[in-house]
Full PDB file with SEQRES, HELIX, SHEET, SSBOND, CRYST1, ORIGX, SCALE, CONECT and MASTER records, all heavy atoms in Angstrom:
SEQRES   1 A   32  ARG SER ILE GLU GLU GLY THR THR GLY THR ALA LEU PHE          
SEQRES   2 A   32  GLU ALA ASP ARG ASP VAL VAL ALA MET LYS VAL ASP GLY          
SEQRES   3 A   32  GLU PRO TRP ASP LEU ALA                                      
HELIX    1 AA1 GLY A    9  LEU A   12  1                                   4    
SHEET    1 AA1 2 MET A  22  VAL A  24  0                                        
SHEET    2 AA1 2 GLU A  27  TRP A  29 -1                                        
CRYST1    1.000    1.000    1.000  90.00  90.00  90.00 P 1           1          
ORIGX1      1.000000  0.000000  0.000000        0.00000                         
ORIGX2      0.000000  1.000000  0.000000        0.00000                         
ORIGX3      0.000000  0.000000  1.000000        0.00000                         
SCALE1      1.000000  0.000000  0.000000        0.00000                         
SCALE2      0.000000  1.000000  0.000000        0.00000                         
SCALE3      0.000000  0.000000  1.000000        0.00000                         
ATOM      1  N   ARG A   1       5.498  -1.049 -11.662  1.00  0.00           N  
ATOM      2  CA  ARG A   1       6.171  -0.152 -10.733  1.00  0.00           C  
ATOM      3  C   ARG A   1       7.251  -0.900  -9.995  1.00  0.00           C  
ATOM      4  O   ARG A   1       7.065  -2.074  -9.579  1.00  0.00           O  
ATOM      5  CB  ARG A   1       5.130   0.402  -9.740  1.00  0.00           C  
ATOM      6  CG  ARG A   1       5.642   1.249  -8.624  1.00  0.00           C  
ATOM      7  CD  ARG A   1       5.747   2.691  -9.003  1.00  0.00           C  
ATOM      8  NE  ARG A   1       6.071   3.474  -7.776  1.00  0.00           N  
ATOM      9  CZ  ARG A   1       5.218   4.080  -6.991  1.00  0.00           C  
ATOM     10  NH1 ARG A   1       3.926   4.033  -7.314  1.00  0.00           N  
ATOM     11  NH2 ARG A   1       5.566   4.786  -5.955  1.00  0.00           N  
ATOM     12  N   SER A   2       8.403  -0.302  -9.785  1.00  0.00           N  
ATOM     13  CA  SER A   2       9.496  -0.871  -8.932  1.00  0.00           C  
ATOM     14  C   SER A   2       9.482  -0.164  -7.635  1.00  0.00           C  
ATOM     15  O   SER A   2       9.388   1.101  -7.545  1.00  0.00           O  
ATOM     16  CB  SER A   2      10.831  -0.660  -9.646  1.00  0.00           C  
ATOM     17  OG  SER A   2      10.929  -1.445 -10.826  1.00  0.00           O  
ATOM     18  N   ILE A   3       9.560  -0.947  -6.561  1.00  0.00           N  
ATOM     19  CA  ILE A   3       9.621  -0.427  -5.206  1.00  0.00           C  
ATOM     20  C   ILE A   3      10.749  -1.145  -4.457  1.00  0.00           C  
ATOM     21  O   ILE A   3      11.176  -2.229  -4.850  1.00  0.00           O  
ATOM     22  CB  ILE A   3       8.274  -0.640  -4.465  1.00  0.00           C  
ATOM     23  CG1 ILE A   3       7.951  -2.138  -4.339  1.00  0.00           C  
ATOM     24  CG2 ILE A   3       7.153   0.134  -5.160  1.00  0.00           C  
ATOM     25  CD1 ILE A   3       6.722  -2.413  -3.459  1.00  0.00           C  
ATOM     26  N   GLU A   4      11.166  -0.538  -3.352  1.00  0.00           N  
ATOM     27  CA  GLU A   4      12.168  -1.177  -2.494  1.00  0.00           C  
ATOM     28  C   GLU A   4      11.534  -2.367  -1.796  1.00  0.00           C  
ATOM     29  O   GLU A   4      10.346  -2.325  -1.378  1.00  0.00           O  
ATOM     30  CB  GLU A   4      12.714  -0.167  -1.467  1.00  0.00           C  
ATOM     31  CG  GLU A   4      13.563   0.944  -2.064  1.00  0.00           C  
ATOM     32  CD  GLU A   4      14.075   1.874  -1.020  1.00  0.00           C  
ATOM     33  OE1 GLU A   4      13.767   1.645   0.177  1.00  0.00           O  
ATOM     34  OE2 GLU A   4      14.821   2.748  -1.351  1.00  0.00           O  
ATOM     35  N   GLU A   5      12.309  -3.429  -1.614  1.00  0.00           N  
ATOM     36  CA  GLU A   5      11.841  -4.561  -0.837  1.00  0.00           C  
ATOM     37  C   GLU A   5      11.463  -4.095   0.586  1.00  0.00           C  
ATOM     38  O   GLU A   5      12.152  -3.263   1.142  1.00  0.00           O  
ATOM     39  CB  GLU A   5      12.902  -5.669  -0.761  1.00  0.00           C  
ATOM     40  CG  GLU A   5      13.066  -6.396  -2.066  1.00  0.00           C  
ATOM     41  CD  GLU A   5      14.040  -7.592  -1.924  1.00  0.00           C  
ATOM     42  OE1 GLU A   5      14.430  -7.859  -0.754  1.00  0.00           O  
ATOM     43  OE2 GLU A   5      14.394  -8.173  -2.944  1.00  0.00           O  
ATOM     44  N   GLY A   6      10.401  -4.643   1.092  1.00  0.00           N  
ATOM     45  CA  GLY A   6       9.930  -4.269   2.438  1.00  0.00           C  
ATOM     46  C   GLY A   6       9.025  -3.056   2.501  1.00  0.00           C  
ATOM     47  O   GLY A   6       8.625  -2.620   3.572  1.00  0.00           O  
ATOM     48  N   THR A   7       8.728  -2.466   1.323  1.00  0.00           N  
ATOM     49  CA  THR A   7       7.857  -1.309   1.317  1.00  0.00           C  
ATOM     50  C   THR A   7       6.452  -1.688   1.756  1.00  0.00           C  
ATOM     51  O   THR A   7       5.886  -2.712   1.325  1.00  0.00           O  
ATOM     52  CB  THR A   7       7.792  -0.701  -0.104  1.00  0.00           C  
ATOM     53  OG1 THR A   7       9.071  -0.252  -0.467  1.00  0.00           O  
ATOM     54  CG2 THR A   7       6.761   0.472  -0.153  1.00  0.00           C  
ATOM     55  N   THR A   8       5.893  -0.927   2.632  1.00  0.00           N  
ATOM     56  CA  THR A   8       4.508  -1.160   3.146  1.00  0.00           C  
ATOM     57  C   THR A   8       3.550  -0.372   2.317  1.00  0.00           C  
ATOM     58  O   THR A   8       3.885   0.571   1.578  1.00  0.00           O  
ATOM     59  CB  THR A   8       4.387  -0.787   4.634  1.00  0.00           C  
ATOM     60  OG1 THR A   8       4.570   0.650   4.719  1.00  0.00           O  
ATOM     61  CG2 THR A   8       5.387  -1.529   5.504  1.00  0.00           C  
ATOM     62  N   GLY A   9       2.278  -0.711   2.505  1.00  0.00           N  
ATOM     63  CA  GLY A   9       1.224   0.032   1.849  1.00  0.00           C  
ATOM     64  C   GLY A   9       1.180   1.507   2.346  1.00  0.00           C  
ATOM     65  O   GLY A   9       0.881   2.396   1.569  1.00  0.00           O  
ATOM     66  N   THR A  10       1.562   1.692   3.616  1.00  0.00           N  
ATOM     67  CA  THR A  10       1.583   3.054   4.153  1.00  0.00           C  
ATOM     68  C   THR A  10       2.546   3.915   3.373  1.00  0.00           C  
ATOM     69  O   THR A  10       2.267   5.034   3.028  1.00  0.00           O  
ATOM     70  CB  THR A  10       2.003   2.978   5.640  1.00  0.00           C  
ATOM     71  OG1 THR A  10       1.074   2.146   6.348  1.00  0.00           O  
ATOM     72  CG2 THR A  10       1.986   4.384   6.270  1.00  0.00           C  
ATOM     73  N   ALA A  11       3.723   3.373   3.087  1.00  0.00           N  
ATOM     74  CA  ALA A  11       4.743   4.149   2.381  1.00  0.00           C  
ATOM     75  C   ALA A  11       4.386   4.279   0.935  1.00  0.00           C  
ATOM     76  O   ALA A  11       4.578   5.321   0.296  1.00  0.00           O  
ATOM     77  CB  ALA A  11       6.108   3.425   2.457  1.00  0.00           C  
ATOM     78  N   LEU A  12       3.757   3.238   0.342  1.00  0.00           N  
ATOM     79  CA  LEU A  12       3.362   3.248  -1.110  1.00  0.00           C  
ATOM     80  C   LEU A  12       2.363   4.332  -1.384  1.00  0.00           C  
ATOM     81  O   LEU A  12       2.413   4.968  -2.421  1.00  0.00           O  
ATOM     82  CB  LEU A  12       2.878   1.857  -1.499  1.00  0.00           C  
ATOM     83  CG  LEU A  12       2.622   1.617  -2.943  1.00  0.00           C  
ATOM     84  CD1 LEU A  12       3.946   1.708  -3.775  1.00  0.00           C  
ATOM     85  CD2 LEU A  12       2.041   0.210  -3.175  1.00  0.00           C  
ATOM     86  N   PHE A  13       1.436   4.523  -0.416  1.00  0.00           N  
ATOM     87  CA  PHE A  13       0.355   5.470  -0.622  1.00  0.00           C  
ATOM     88  C   PHE A  13       0.410   6.706   0.224  1.00  0.00           C  
ATOM     89  O   PHE A  13      -0.599   7.365   0.536  1.00  0.00           O  
ATOM     90  CB  PHE A  13      -1.027   4.759  -0.448  1.00  0.00           C  
ATOM     91  CG  PHE A  13      -1.300   3.649  -1.417  1.00  0.00           C  
ATOM     92  CD1 PHE A  13      -1.198   2.341  -1.031  1.00  0.00           C  
ATOM     93  CD2 PHE A  13      -1.619   3.952  -2.745  1.00  0.00           C  
ATOM     94  CE1 PHE A  13      -1.469   1.309  -1.938  1.00  0.00           C  
ATOM     95  CE2 PHE A  13      -1.909   2.937  -3.629  1.00  0.00           C  
ATOM     96  CZ  PHE A  13      -1.816   1.594  -3.234  1.00  0.00           C  
ATOM     97  N   GLU A  14       1.630   7.029   0.687  1.00  0.00           N  
ATOM     98  CA  GLU A  14       1.749   8.124   1.677  1.00  0.00           C  
ATOM     99  C   GLU A  14       1.328   9.453   1.101  1.00  0.00           C  
ATOM    100  O   GLU A  14       0.912  10.370   1.852  1.00  0.00           O  
ATOM    101  CB  GLU A  14       3.210   8.213   2.144  1.00  0.00           C  
ATOM    102  CG  GLU A  14       4.231   8.532   1.094  1.00  0.00           C  
ATOM    103  CD  GLU A  14       5.641   8.619   1.640  1.00  0.00           C  
ATOM    104  OE1 GLU A  14       5.771   8.691   2.887  1.00  0.00           O  
ATOM    105  OE2 GLU A  14       6.634   8.558   0.884  1.00  0.00           O  
ATOM    106  N   ALA A  15       1.334   9.610  -0.222  1.00  0.00           N  
ATOM    107  CA  ALA A  15       0.956  10.834  -0.805  1.00  0.00           C  
ATOM    108  C   ALA A  15      -0.582  10.975  -1.000  1.00  0.00           C  
ATOM    109  O   ALA A  15      -1.041  12.100  -1.366  1.00  0.00           O  
ATOM    110  CB  ALA A  15       1.635  11.061  -2.183  1.00  0.00           C  
ATOM    111  N   ASP A  16      -1.307   9.944  -0.770  1.00  0.00           N  
ATOM    112  CA  ASP A  16      -2.772   9.941  -0.999  1.00  0.00           C  
ATOM    113  C   ASP A  16      -3.468   9.629   0.311  1.00  0.00           C  
ATOM    114  O   ASP A  16      -3.582   8.458   0.697  1.00  0.00           O  
ATOM    115  CB  ASP A  16      -3.126   8.904  -2.034  1.00  0.00           C  
ATOM    116  CG  ASP A  16      -4.564   9.110  -2.518  1.00  0.00           C  
ATOM    117  OD1 ASP A  16      -5.345   9.799  -1.788  1.00  0.00           O  
ATOM    118  OD2 ASP A  16      -4.912   8.596  -3.612  1.00  0.00           O  
ATOM    119  N   ARG A  17      -3.886  10.643   0.999  1.00  0.00           N  
ATOM    120  CA  ARG A  17      -4.559  10.433   2.278  1.00  0.00           C  
ATOM    121  C   ARG A  17      -5.924   9.827   2.207  1.00  0.00           C  
ATOM    122  O   ARG A  17      -6.465   9.402   3.248  1.00  0.00           O  
ATOM    123  CB  ARG A  17      -4.660  11.793   3.023  1.00  0.00           C  
ATOM    124  CG  ARG A  17      -3.282  12.341   3.401  1.00  0.00           C  
ATOM    125  CD  ARG A  17      -3.416  13.577   4.300  1.00  0.00           C  
ATOM    126  NE  ARG A  17      -2.122  14.051   4.741  1.00  0.00           N  
ATOM    127  CZ  ARG A  17      -1.963  15.051   5.604  1.00  0.00           C  
ATOM    128  NH1 ARG A  17      -3.040  15.707   6.087  1.00  0.00           N  
ATOM    129  NH2 ARG A  17      -0.758  15.463   5.970  1.00  0.00           N  
ATOM    130  N   ASP A  18      -6.487   9.739   1.027  1.00  0.00           N  
ATOM    131  CA  ASP A  18      -7.821   9.116   0.869  1.00  0.00           C  
ATOM    132  C   ASP A  18      -7.741   7.564   0.939  1.00  0.00           C  
ATOM    133  O   ASP A  18      -8.724   6.906   1.140  1.00  0.00           O  
ATOM    134  CB  ASP A  18      -8.469   9.527  -0.456  1.00  0.00           C  
ATOM    135  CG  ASP A  18      -8.866  10.973  -0.478  1.00  0.00           C  
ATOM    136  OD1 ASP A  18      -9.101  11.505   0.627  1.00  0.00           O  
ATOM    137  OD2 ASP A  18      -8.946  11.541  -1.566  1.00  0.00           O  
ATOM    138  N   VAL A  19      -6.518   7.038   0.736  1.00  0.00           N  
ATOM    139  CA  VAL A  19      -6.321   5.617   0.738  1.00  0.00           C  
ATOM    140  C   VAL A  19      -6.208   5.083   2.202  1.00  0.00           C  
ATOM    141  O   VAL A  19      -5.357   5.546   2.963  1.00  0.00           O  
ATOM    142  CB  VAL A  19      -5.073   5.222  -0.074  1.00  0.00           C  
ATOM    143  CG1 VAL A  19      -4.844   3.691  -0.036  1.00  0.00           C  
ATOM    144  CG2 VAL A  19      -5.214   5.664  -1.480  1.00  0.00           C  
ATOM    145  N   VAL A  20      -7.056   4.114   2.535  1.00  0.00           N  
ATOM    146  CA  VAL A  20      -7.099   3.605   3.924  1.00  0.00           C  
ATOM    147  C   VAL A  20      -6.728   2.142   3.962  1.00  0.00           C  
ATOM    148  O   VAL A  20      -6.547   1.573   5.062  1.00  0.00           O  
ATOM    149  CB  VAL A  20      -8.491   3.813   4.581  1.00  0.00           C  
ATOM    150  CG1 VAL A  20      -8.806   5.255   4.679  1.00  0.00           C  
ATOM    151  CG2 VAL A  20      -9.558   3.070   3.757  1.00  0.00           C  
ATOM    152  N   ALA A  21      -6.630   1.464   2.830  1.00  0.00           N  
ATOM    153  CA  ALA A  21      -6.232   0.051   2.752  1.00  0.00           C  
ATOM    154  C   ALA A  21      -5.828  -0.183   1.337  1.00  0.00           C  
ATOM    155  O   ALA A  21      -5.832   0.688   0.466  1.00  0.00           O  
ATOM    156  CB  ALA A  21      -7.321  -0.880   3.214  1.00  0.00           C  
ATOM    157  N   MET A  22      -5.476  -1.434   1.028  1.00  0.00           N  
ATOM    158  CA  MET A  22      -5.087  -1.787  -0.331  1.00  0.00           C  
ATOM    159  C   MET A  22      -5.534  -3.181  -0.668  1.00  0.00           C  
ATOM    160  O   MET A  22      -5.749  -4.002   0.229  1.00  0.00           O  
ATOM    161  CB  MET A  22      -3.560  -1.667  -0.510  1.00  0.00           C  
ATOM    162  CG  MET A  22      -2.777  -2.604   0.434  1.00  0.00           C  
ATOM    163  SD  MET A  22      -0.995  -2.397   0.282  1.00  0.00           S  
ATOM    164  CE  MET A  22      -0.397  -3.412   1.638  1.00  0.00           C  
ATOM    165  N   LYS A  23      -5.724  -3.446  -1.957  1.00  0.00           N  
ATOM    166  CA  LYS A  23      -5.956  -4.771  -2.423  1.00  0.00           C  
ATOM    167  C   LYS A  23      -4.667  -5.307  -2.978  1.00  0.00           C  
ATOM    168  O   LYS A  23      -3.985  -4.690  -3.789  1.00  0.00           O  
ATOM    169  CB  LYS A  23      -7.024  -4.786  -3.555  1.00  0.00           C  
ATOM    170  CG  LYS A  23      -8.427  -4.806  -3.071  1.00  0.00           C  
ATOM    171  CD  LYS A  23      -9.384  -5.068  -4.238  1.00  0.00           C  
ATOM    172  CE  LYS A  23     -10.819  -5.210  -3.738  1.00  0.00           C  
ATOM    173  NZ  LYS A  23     -11.776  -5.424  -4.856  1.00  0.00           N  
ATOM    174  N   VAL A  24      -4.330  -6.499  -2.504  1.00  0.00           N  
ATOM    175  CA  VAL A  24      -3.112  -7.206  -2.939  1.00  0.00           C  
ATOM    176  C   VAL A  24      -3.529  -8.548  -3.597  1.00  0.00           C  
ATOM    177  O   VAL A  24      -4.126  -9.378  -2.924  1.00  0.00           O  
ATOM    178  CB  VAL A  24      -2.150  -7.494  -1.793  1.00  0.00           C  
ATOM    179  CG1 VAL A  24      -0.940  -8.259  -2.286  1.00  0.00           C  
ATOM    180  CG2 VAL A  24      -1.680  -6.147  -1.172  1.00  0.00           C  
ATOM    181  N   ASP A  25      -3.414  -8.592  -4.900  1.00  0.00           N  
ATOM    182  CA  ASP A  25      -3.835  -9.752  -5.672  1.00  0.00           C  
ATOM    183  C   ASP A  25      -5.326  -9.992  -5.445  1.00  0.00           C  
ATOM    184  O   ASP A  25      -5.778 -11.167  -5.239  1.00  0.00           O  
ATOM    185  CB  ASP A  25      -3.021 -10.989  -5.360  1.00  0.00           C  
ATOM    186  CG  ASP A  25      -1.534 -10.816  -5.762  1.00  0.00           C  
ATOM    187  OD1 ASP A  25      -1.299 -10.104  -6.764  1.00  0.00           O  
ATOM    188  OD2 ASP A  25      -0.683 -11.420  -5.150  1.00  0.00           O  
ATOM    189  N   GLY A  26      -6.084  -8.943  -5.320  1.00  0.00           N  
ATOM    190  CA  GLY A  26      -7.537  -9.024  -5.195  1.00  0.00           C  
ATOM    191  C   GLY A  26      -8.061  -9.128  -3.766  1.00  0.00           C  
ATOM    192  O   GLY A  26      -9.279  -9.061  -3.563  1.00  0.00           O  
ATOM    193  N   GLU A  27      -7.159  -9.285  -2.748  1.00  0.00           N  
ATOM    194  CA  GLU A  27      -7.580  -9.402  -1.371  1.00  0.00           C  
ATOM    195  C   GLU A  27      -7.313  -8.110  -0.599  1.00  0.00           C  
ATOM    196  O   GLU A  27      -6.225  -7.544  -0.692  1.00  0.00           O  
ATOM    197  CB  GLU A  27      -6.818 -10.579  -0.723  1.00  0.00           C  
ATOM    198  CG  GLU A  27      -7.248 -11.951  -1.262  1.00  0.00           C  
ATOM    199  CD  GLU A  27      -8.637 -12.277  -0.951  1.00  0.00           C  
ATOM    200  OE1 GLU A  27      -9.180 -11.937   0.128  1.00  0.00           O  
ATOM    201  OE2 GLU A  27      -9.274 -12.908  -1.862  1.00  0.00           O  
ATOM    202  N   PRO A  28      -8.279  -7.624   0.193  1.00  0.00           N  
ATOM    203  CA  PRO A  28      -8.034  -6.414   0.967  1.00  0.00           C  
ATOM    204  C   PRO A  28      -6.961  -6.654   2.053  1.00  0.00           C  
ATOM    205  O   PRO A  28      -7.032  -7.663   2.776  1.00  0.00           O  
ATOM    206  CB  PRO A  28      -9.411  -6.120   1.623  1.00  0.00           C  
ATOM    207  CG  PRO A  28     -10.354  -6.867   0.752  1.00  0.00           C  
ATOM    208  CD  PRO A  28      -9.660  -8.057   0.286  1.00  0.00           C  
ATOM    209  N   TRP A  29      -6.045  -5.771   2.183  1.00  0.00           N  
ATOM    210  CA  TRP A  29      -4.931  -5.860   3.178  1.00  0.00           C  
ATOM    211  C   TRP A  29      -4.866  -4.511   3.943  1.00  0.00           C  
ATOM    212  O   TRP A  29      -5.215  -3.441   3.440  1.00  0.00           O  
ATOM    213  CB  TRP A  29      -3.592  -6.070   2.506  1.00  0.00           C  
ATOM    214  CG  TRP A  29      -3.306  -7.486   2.085  1.00  0.00           C  
ATOM    215  CD1 TRP A  29      -4.181  -8.420   1.761  1.00  0.00           C  
ATOM    216  CD2 TRP A  29      -2.040  -8.050   1.923  1.00  0.00           C  
ATOM    217  NE1 TRP A  29      -3.524  -9.608   1.425  1.00  0.00           N  
ATOM    218  CE2 TRP A  29      -2.189  -9.414   1.536  1.00  0.00           C  
ATOM    219  CE3 TRP A  29      -0.728  -7.584   2.064  1.00  0.00           C  
ATOM    220  CZ2 TRP A  29      -1.136 -10.251   1.264  1.00  0.00           C  
ATOM    221  CZ3 TRP A  29       0.363  -8.417   1.849  1.00  0.00           C  
ATOM    222  CH2 TRP A  29       0.173  -9.774   1.457  1.00  0.00           C  
ATOM    223  N   ASP A  30      -4.290  -4.610   5.174  1.00  0.00           N  
ATOM    224  CA  ASP A  30      -3.943  -3.406   5.906  1.00  0.00           C  
ATOM    225  C   ASP A  30      -2.804  -2.684   5.168  1.00  0.00           C  
ATOM    226  O   ASP A  30      -1.901  -3.289   4.578  1.00  0.00           O  
ATOM    227  CB  ASP A  30      -3.467  -3.753   7.311  1.00  0.00           C  
ATOM    228  CG  ASP A  30      -4.465  -4.504   8.116  1.00  0.00           C  
ATOM    229  OD1 ASP A  30      -5.594  -3.970   8.316  1.00  0.00           O  
ATOM    230  OD2 ASP A  30      -4.175  -5.684   8.512  1.00  0.00           O  
ATOM    231  N   LEU A  31      -2.752  -1.340   5.281  1.00  0.00           N  
ATOM    232  CA  LEU A  31      -1.668  -0.600   4.724  1.00  0.00           C  
ATOM    233  C   LEU A  31      -0.300  -0.880   5.390  1.00  0.00           C  
ATOM    234  O   LEU A  31       0.742  -0.780   4.734  1.00  0.00           O  
ATOM    235  CB  LEU A  31      -1.939   0.938   4.871  1.00  0.00           C  
ATOM    236  CG  LEU A  31      -3.033   1.502   3.895  1.00  0.00           C  
ATOM    237  CD1 LEU A  31      -3.192   2.963   4.169  1.00  0.00           C  
ATOM    238  CD2 LEU A  31      -2.684   1.256   2.442  1.00  0.00           C  
ATOM    239  N   ALA A  32      -0.344  -1.321   6.643  1.00  0.00           N  
ATOM    240  CA  ALA A  32       0.921  -1.525   7.373  1.00  0.00           C  
ATOM    241  C   ALA A  32       1.644  -2.790   6.905  1.00  0.00           C  
ATOM    242  O   ALA A  32       2.833  -2.962   7.238  1.00  0.00           O  
ATOM    243  CB  ALA A  32       0.581  -1.644   8.884  1.00  0.00           C  
TER     244      ALA A  32                                                      
MASTER        0    0    0    1    2    0    0    6  243    1    0    3          
END                                                                             
């Protein structure tokens, strides 16, 4: 997937309200 530099998890998953955090390279991160 290609995204704009500086994109946050909040923007990346804005269409899915069930998502509350994200894993980045296997580590849990805040969406912000």
